[in-house]
Amino acid sequence: MNKVKIQIGPRSYQIACDPADEEKVRKFGALIDENYAKLGTARAPQEADNMVFAALFMADELDEARTKLDALRKELDEVSTNLKTAQGNVKAMVSKATDDTAEELEQASKAKAELQAEIDTVRKAEEHARKENSRLKADIAKLQEEARHQHDLFGSPEDNAAHSKALAEKLEALARRAENTADALEARA
C-alpha cells in the first residue's frame, strides 16, 4: 500500500491506498478541499464539524448529479423508445416501398410484354396489308394491260364493257379489303 498526502483546509492527511488509486485519492482530496473552502469565514471551531459541512456540500452536489442522471436516464429511455418506434416505422415503410416497387415492376413487365405482343401483331398485319396491296396493284395493272390490248387488237365494245365491269368489281373488292385492313390496324393501335 502507498500513502498519498492530501490537503483539506489547514490540515494535511496521509491516506493509505493501492498504487493504482493514488490519482483518484488526490482528485477526491482536491474536491473535498474545494468544498471545505466554500465555508469561508463561517468555519466551525471544531475541525470535524467543518469536515461534515464539506461532506454535506459534496452530498448536495452528488444528489443533484444523481437527480440529473435519473432525468437523463428517463430521457434516454424515451429517446430509445422513440428511436425503436421510428426504426420500426422506417422498416415497415421500406418493406412496403419494396413490395410496392416489386409489384409495380411486375406490372410494368406485364404491360411491356403486352405492348410488345401488340406491336408484333400490328407489324404482321402491316406486312400482310403491304403484300396484299402489292398483289392487288399487280392485278389491276395486269387487268388494265389486258383491257388495253384486247380493245386495240380484238376487242369489241361489248367485250370491253364486260372487262370494265369485272375490273370495277375487283376494284370494289380491293377497296373493301383496304378498309378492313385499315380498321384492323386501328383496332390494334
C-alpha atoms as a PDB file:
ATOM      1  CA  MET A   1       0.000   0.000   0.000  1.00  0.00           C
ATOM      2  CA  ASN A   2       1.160   3.502  -0.783  1.00  0.00           C
ATOM      3  CA  LYS A   3       0.430   6.658   1.173  1.00  0.00           C
ATOM      4  CA  VAL A   4      -0.913   9.779  -0.514  1.00  0.00           C
ATOM      5  CA  LYS A   5      -0.785  13.189   1.179  1.00  0.00           C
ATOM      6  CA  ILE A   6      -3.867  15.382   0.664  1.00  0.00           C
ATOM      7  CA  GLN A   7      -4.537  18.900   1.986  1.00  0.00           C
ATOM      8  CA  ILE A   8      -8.020  19.802   3.210  1.00  0.00           C
ATOM      9  CA  GLY A   9      -8.286  23.272   4.671  1.00  0.00           C
ATOM     10  CA  PRO A  10      -5.489  23.948   7.126  1.00  0.00           C
ATOM     11  CA  ARG A  11      -4.663  20.286   7.707  1.00  0.00           C
ATOM     12  CA  SER A  12      -2.949  17.626   5.682  1.00  0.00           C
ATOM     13  CA  TYR A  13      -3.746  13.910   5.833  1.00  0.00           C
ATOM     14  CA  GLN A  14      -1.874  10.753   4.888  1.00  0.00           C
ATOM     15  CA  ILE A  15      -4.177   8.312   3.089  1.00  0.00           C
ATOM     16  CA  ALA A  16      -3.180   4.699   2.505  1.00  0.00           C
ATOM     17  CA  CYS A  17      -4.279   3.366  -0.919  1.00  0.00           C
ATOM     18  CA  ASP A  18      -3.448   0.983  -3.709  1.00  0.00           C
ATOM     19  CA  PRO A  19      -0.882   2.394  -6.164  1.00  0.00           C
ATOM     20  CA  ALA A  20      -3.477   2.285  -8.947  1.00  0.00           C
ATOM     21  CA  ASP A  21      -5.813   4.541  -6.875  1.00  0.00           C
ATOM     22  CA  GLU A  22      -3.310   7.276  -5.957  1.00  0.00           C
ATOM     23  CA  GLU A  23      -4.510   9.736  -8.627  1.00  0.00           C
ATOM     24  CA  LYS A  24      -8.139   9.127  -7.718  1.00  0.00           C
ATOM     25  CA  VAL A  25      -7.414   9.818  -3.992  1.00  0.00           C
ATOM     26  CA  ARG A  26      -5.642  13.070  -4.940  1.00  0.00           C
ATOM     27  CA  LYS A  27      -8.663  14.169  -7.059  1.00  0.00           C
ATOM     28  CA  PHE A  28     -11.081  13.326  -4.253  1.00  0.00           C
ATOM     29  CA  GLY A  29      -8.901  15.237  -1.741  1.00  0.00           C
ATOM     30  CA  ALA A  30      -8.898  18.284  -4.016  1.00  0.00           C
ATOM     31  CA  LEU A  31     -12.688  18.030  -4.341  1.00  0.00           C
ATOM     32  CA  ILE A  32     -13.119  17.875  -0.555  1.00  0.00           C
ATOM     33  CA  ASP A  33     -10.742  20.840  -0.138  1.00  0.00           C
ATOM     34  CA  GLU A  34     -12.713  22.803  -2.725  1.00  0.00           C
ATOM     35  CA  ASN A  35     -15.959  22.203  -0.794  1.00  0.00           C
ATOM     36  CA  TYR A  36     -14.187  22.950   2.511  1.00  0.00           C
ATOM     37  CA  ALA A  37     -13.157  26.324   1.065  1.00  0.00           C
ATOM     38  CA  LYS A  38     -16.849  27.145   0.418  1.00  0.00           C
ATOM     39  CA  LEU A  39     -17.248  27.510   4.183  1.00  0.00           C
ATOM     40  CA  GLY A  40     -15.147  30.649   4.020  1.00  0.00           C
ATOM     41  CA  THR A  41     -15.260  32.579   7.333  1.00  0.00           C
ATOM     42  CA  ALA A  42     -18.223  30.562   8.588  1.00  0.00           C
ATOM     43  CA  ARG A  43     -15.982  27.738   9.760  1.00  0.00           C
ATOM     44  CA  ALA A  44     -16.838  25.991  12.998  1.00  0.00           C
ATOM     45  CA  PRO A  45     -14.325  25.877  15.849  1.00  0.00           C
ATOM     46  CA  GLN A  46     -14.143  22.084  15.626  1.00  0.00           C
ATOM     47  CA  GLU A  47     -12.412  20.748  12.503  1.00  0.00           C
ATOM     48  CA  ALA A  48     -14.701  17.697  12.443  1.00  0.00           C
ATOM     49  CA  ASP A  49     -17.739  19.967  12.054  1.00  0.00           C
ATOM     50  CA  ASN A  50     -16.087  21.691   9.120  1.00  0.00           C
ATOM     51  CA  MET A  51     -15.447  18.316   7.510  1.00  0.00           C
ATOM     52  CA  VAL A  52     -19.128  17.406   7.988  1.00  0.00           C
ATOM     53  CA  PHE A  53     -20.188  20.647   6.299  1.00  0.00           C
ATOM     54  CA  ALA A  54     -17.792  19.995   3.399  1.00  0.00           C
ATOM     55  CA  ALA A  55     -19.218  16.487   3.160  1.00  0.00           C
ATOM     56  CA  LEU A  56     -22.746  17.958   3.138  1.00  0.00           C
ATOM     57  CA  PHE A  57     -21.780  20.221   0.219  1.00  0.00           C
ATOM     58  CA  MET A  58     -20.465  17.192  -1.594  1.00  0.00           C
ATOM     59  CA  ALA A  59     -23.572  15.168  -0.740  1.00  0.00           C
ATOM     60  CA  ASP A  60     -25.725  18.006  -2.120  1.00  0.00           C
ATOM     61  CA  GLU A  61     -23.720  18.030  -5.359  1.00  0.00           C
ATOM     62  CA  LEU A  62     -23.902  14.260  -5.514  1.00  0.00           C
ATOM     63  CA  ASP A  63     -27.696  14.380  -5.026  1.00  0.00           C
ATOM     64  CA  GLU A  64     -28.050  16.971  -7.805  1.00  0.00           C
ATOM     65  CA  ALA A  65     -25.849  14.853 -10.060  1.00  0.00           C
ATOM     66  CA  ARG A  66     -27.942  11.752  -9.307  1.00  0.00           C
ATOM     67  CA  THR A  67     -31.174  13.667  -9.951  1.00  0.00           C
ATOM     68  CA  LYS A  68     -29.783  14.897 -13.289  1.00  0.00           C
ATOM     69  CA  LEU A  69     -28.583  11.384 -14.057  1.00  0.00           C
ATOM     70  CA  ASP A  70     -32.054   9.949 -13.324  1.00  0.00           C
ATOM     71  CA  ALA A  71     -33.639  12.621 -15.533  1.00  0.00           C
ATOM     72  CA  LEU A  72     -31.124  11.878 -18.272  1.00  0.00           C
ATOM     73  CA  ARG A  73     -31.796   8.146 -17.963  1.00  0.00           C
ATOM     74  CA  LYS A  74     -35.540   8.752 -18.297  1.00  0.00           C
ATOM     75  CA  GLU A  75     -34.914  10.996 -21.290  1.00  0.00           C
ATOM     76  CA  LEU A  76     -32.594   8.385 -22.758  1.00  0.00           C
ATOM     77  CA  ASP A  77     -35.274   5.716 -22.236  1.00  0.00           C
ATOM     78  CA  GLU A  78     -37.831   7.927 -24.030  1.00  0.00           C
ATOM     79  CA  VAL A  79     -35.406   8.656 -26.840  1.00  0.00           C
ATOM     80  CA  SER A  80     -34.570   4.957 -27.060  1.00  0.00           C
ATOM     81  CA  THR A  81     -38.263   4.052 -27.187  1.00  0.00           C
ATOM     82  CA  ASN A  82     -38.906   6.729 -29.820  1.00  0.00           C
ATOM     83  CA  LEU A  83     -35.898   5.525 -31.780  1.00  0.00           C
ATOM     84  CA  LYS A  84     -37.136   1.931 -31.714  1.00  0.00           C
ATOM     85  CA  THR A  85     -40.587   3.101 -32.819  1.00  0.00           C
ATOM     86  CA  ALA A  86     -39.036   5.190 -35.597  1.00  0.00           C
ATOM     87  CA  GLN A  87     -36.848   2.269 -36.665  1.00  0.00           C
ATOM     88  CA  GLY A  88     -39.921   0.028 -36.767  1.00  0.00           C
ATOM     89  CA  ASN A  89     -41.793   2.640 -38.806  1.00  0.00           C
ATOM     90  CA  VAL A  90     -38.880   3.067 -41.205  1.00  0.00           C
ATOM     91  CA  LYS A  91     -38.544  -0.702 -41.535  1.00  0.00           C
ATOM     92  CA  ALA A  92     -42.270  -1.005 -42.277  1.00  0.00           C
ATOM     93  CA  MET A  93     -42.110   1.851 -44.797  1.00  0.00           C
ATOM     94  CA  VAL A  94     -39.071   0.339 -46.510  1.00  0.00           C
ATOM     95  CA  SER A  95     -40.779  -3.047 -46.627  1.00  0.00           C
ATOM     96  CA  LYS A  96     -43.951  -1.521 -48.079  1.00  0.00           C
ATOM     97  CA  ALA A  97     -41.959   0.522 -50.596  1.00  0.00           C
ATOM     98  CA  THR A  98     -40.033  -2.597 -51.581  1.00  0.00           C
ATOM     99  CA  ASP A  99     -43.258  -4.569 -52.011  1.00  0.00           C
ATOM    100  CA  ASP A 100     -44.883  -1.715 -53.949  1.00  0.00           C
ATOM    101  CA  THR A 101     -41.832  -1.372 -56.179  1.00  0.00           C
ATOM    102  CA  ALA A 102     -41.732  -5.102 -56.859  1.00  0.00           C
ATOM    103  CA  GLU A 103     -45.437  -5.066 -57.726  1.00  0.00           C
ATOM    104  CA  GLU A 104     -45.007  -2.031 -59.986  1.00  0.00           C
ATOM    105  CA  LEU A 105     -42.051  -3.682 -61.715  1.00  0.00           C
ATOM    106  CA  GLU A 106     -44.102  -6.821 -62.271  1.00  0.00           C
ATOM    107  CA  GLN A 107     -46.993  -4.791 -63.692  1.00  0.00           C
ATOM    108  CA  ALA A 108     -44.610  -2.807 -65.893  1.00  0.00           C
ATOM    109  CA  SER A 109     -43.066  -6.038 -67.144  1.00  0.00           C
ATOM    110  CA  LYS A 110     -46.500  -7.448 -67.988  1.00  0.00           C
ATOM    111  CA  ALA A 111     -47.505  -4.194 -69.702  1.00  0.00           C
ATOM    112  CA  LYS A 112     -44.255  -4.237 -71.691  1.00  0.00           C
ATOM    113  CA  ALA A 113     -44.883  -7.826 -72.791  1.00  0.00           C
ATOM    114  CA  GLU A 114     -48.458  -6.950 -73.814  1.00  0.00           C
ATOM    115  CA  LEU A 115     -47.284  -3.907 -75.765  1.00  0.00           C
ATOM    116  CA  GLN A 116     -44.604  -5.966 -77.468  1.00  0.00           C
ATOM    117  CA  ALA A 117     -47.218  -8.551 -78.453  1.00  0.00           C
ATOM    118  CA  GLU A 118     -49.445  -5.786 -79.848  1.00  0.00           C
ATOM    119  CA  ILE A 119     -46.519  -4.285 -81.765  1.00  0.00           C
ATOM    120  CA  ASP A 120     -45.720  -7.705 -83.248  1.00  0.00           C
ATOM    121  CA  THR A 121     -49.360  -8.184 -84.239  1.00  0.00           C
ATOM    122  CA  VAL A 122     -49.552  -4.736 -85.848  1.00  0.00           C
ATOM    123  CA  ARG A 123     -46.274  -5.355 -87.699  1.00  0.00           C
ATOM    124  CA  LYS A 124     -47.586  -8.659 -89.042  1.00  0.00           C
ATOM    125  CA  ALA A 125     -50.857  -7.011 -90.090  1.00  0.00           C
ATOM    126  CA  GLU A 126     -48.951  -4.177 -91.750  1.00  0.00           C
ATOM    127  CA  GLU A 127     -46.726  -6.633 -93.626  1.00  0.00           C
ATOM    128  CA  HIS A 128     -49.770  -8.618 -94.715  1.00  0.00           C
ATOM    129  CA  ALA A 129     -51.504  -5.410 -95.862  1.00  0.00           C
ATOM    130  CA  ARG A 130     -48.417  -4.362 -97.856  1.00  0.00           C
ATOM    131  CA  LYS A 131     -48.232  -7.730 -99.589  1.00  0.00           C
ATOM    132  CA  GLU A 132     -51.969  -7.662-100.307  1.00  0.00           C
ATOM    133  CA  ASN A 133     -51.717  -4.105-101.601  1.00  0.00           C
ATOM    134  CA  SER A 134     -48.794  -5.043-103.884  1.00  0.00           C
ATOM    135  CA  ARG A 135     -50.670  -8.080-105.172  1.00  0.00           C
ATOM    136  CA  LEU A 136     -53.788  -6.033-105.872  1.00  0.00           C
ATOM    137  CA  LYS A 137     -51.793  -3.342-107.651  1.00  0.00           C
ATOM    138  CA  ALA A 138     -50.226  -6.023-109.814  1.00  0.00           C
ATOM    139  CA  ASP A 139     -53.710  -7.457-110.581  1.00  0.00           C
ATOM    140  CA  ILE A 140     -55.024  -4.029-111.520  1.00  0.00           C
ATOM    141  CA  ALA A 141     -52.032  -3.318-113.722  1.00  0.00           C
ATOM    142  CA  LYS A 142     -52.479  -6.702-115.386  1.00  0.00           C
ATOM    143  CA  LEU A 143     -56.196  -6.129-115.968  1.00  0.00           C
ATOM    144  CA  GLN A 144     -55.559  -2.650-117.328  1.00  0.00           C
ATOM    145  CA  GLU A 145     -52.924  -4.021-119.665  1.00  0.00           C
ATOM    146  CA  GLU A 146     -55.231  -6.817-120.821  1.00  0.00           C
ATOM    147  CA  ALA A 147     -58.068  -4.383-121.351  1.00  0.00           C
ATOM    148  CA  ARG A 148     -55.931  -2.082-123.427  1.00  0.00           C
ATOM    149  CA  HIS A 149     -54.634  -4.860-125.673  1.00  0.00           C
ATOM    150  CA  GLN A 150     -57.987  -6.520-126.180  1.00  0.00           C
ATOM    151  CA  HIS A 151     -59.659  -3.326-127.199  1.00  0.00           C
ATOM    152  CA  ASP A 152     -56.935  -2.387-129.558  1.00  0.00           C
ATOM    153  CA  LEU A 153     -56.482  -5.737-131.215  1.00  0.00           C
ATOM    154  CA  PHE A 154     -59.507  -7.915-130.755  1.00  0.00           C
ATOM    155  CA  GLY A 155     -61.949  -6.249-128.522  1.00  0.00           C
ATOM    156  CA  SER A 156     -65.382  -5.150-129.245  1.00  0.00           C
ATOM    157  CA  PRO A 157     -67.292  -2.605-127.210  1.00  0.00           C
ATOM    158  CA  GLU A 158     -69.288  -5.434-125.598  1.00  0.00           C
ATOM    159  CA  ASP A 159     -66.088  -7.235-124.521  1.00  0.00           C
ATOM    160  CA  ASN A 160     -64.700  -4.012-123.183  1.00  0.00           C
ATOM    161  CA  ALA A 161     -67.881  -3.459-121.173  1.00  0.00           C
ATOM    162  CA  ALA A 162     -67.606  -6.947-119.627  1.00  0.00           C
ATOM    163  CA  HIS A 163     -63.962  -6.366-118.761  1.00  0.00           C
ATOM    164  CA  SER A 164     -64.741  -2.947-117.354  1.00  0.00           C
ATOM    165  CA  LYS A 165     -67.467  -4.465-115.177  1.00  0.00           C
ATOM    166  CA  ALA A 166     -65.073  -7.184-113.950  1.00  0.00           C
ATOM    167  CA  LEU A 167     -62.448  -4.549-113.312  1.00  0.00           C
ATOM    168  CA  ALA A 168     -64.913  -2.415-111.368  1.00  0.00           C
ATOM    169  CA  GLU A 169     -65.870  -5.419-109.193  1.00  0.00           C
ATOM    170  CA  LYS A 170     -62.232  -6.191-108.467  1.00  0.00           C
ATOM    171  CA  LEU A 171     -61.590  -2.540-107.624  1.00  0.00           C
ATOM    172  CA  GLU A 172     -64.541  -2.546-105.223  1.00  0.00           C
ATOM    173  CA  ALA A 173     -63.241  -5.767-103.622  1.00  0.00           C
ATOM    174  CA  LEU A 174     -59.823  -4.126-103.320  1.00  0.00           C
ATOM    175  CA  ALA A 175     -61.353  -1.056-101.651  1.00  0.00           C
ATOM    176  CA  ARG A 176     -63.254  -3.275 -99.141  1.00  0.00           C
ATOM    177  CA  ARG A 177     -60.077  -5.188 -98.297  1.00  0.00           C
ATOM    178  CA  ALA A 178     -58.137  -1.936 -97.808  1.00  0.00           C
ATOM    179  CA  GLU A 179     -60.868  -0.632 -95.473  1.00  0.00           C
ATOM    180  CA  ASN A 180     -60.920  -3.890 -93.486  1.00  0.00           C
ATOM    181  CA  THR A 181     -57.132  -3.854 -93.153  1.00  0.00           C
ATOM    182  CA  ALA A 182     -57.182  -0.185 -92.028  1.00  0.00           C
ATOM    183  CA  ASP A 183     -59.925  -0.994 -89.473  1.00  0.00           C
ATOM    184  CA  ALA A 184     -57.898  -3.938 -88.137  1.00  0.00           C
ATOM    185  CA  LEU A 185     -54.788  -1.748 -87.813  1.00  0.00           C
ATOM    186  CA  GLU A 186     -56.724   0.971 -85.979  1.00  0.00           C
ATOM    187  CA  ALA A 187     -58.285  -1.568 -83.597  1.00  0.00           C
ATOM    188  CA  ARG A 188     -54.847  -2.918 -82.647  1.00  0.00           C
ATOM    189  CA  ALA A 189     -53.254   0.508 -82.211  1.00  0.00           C
END
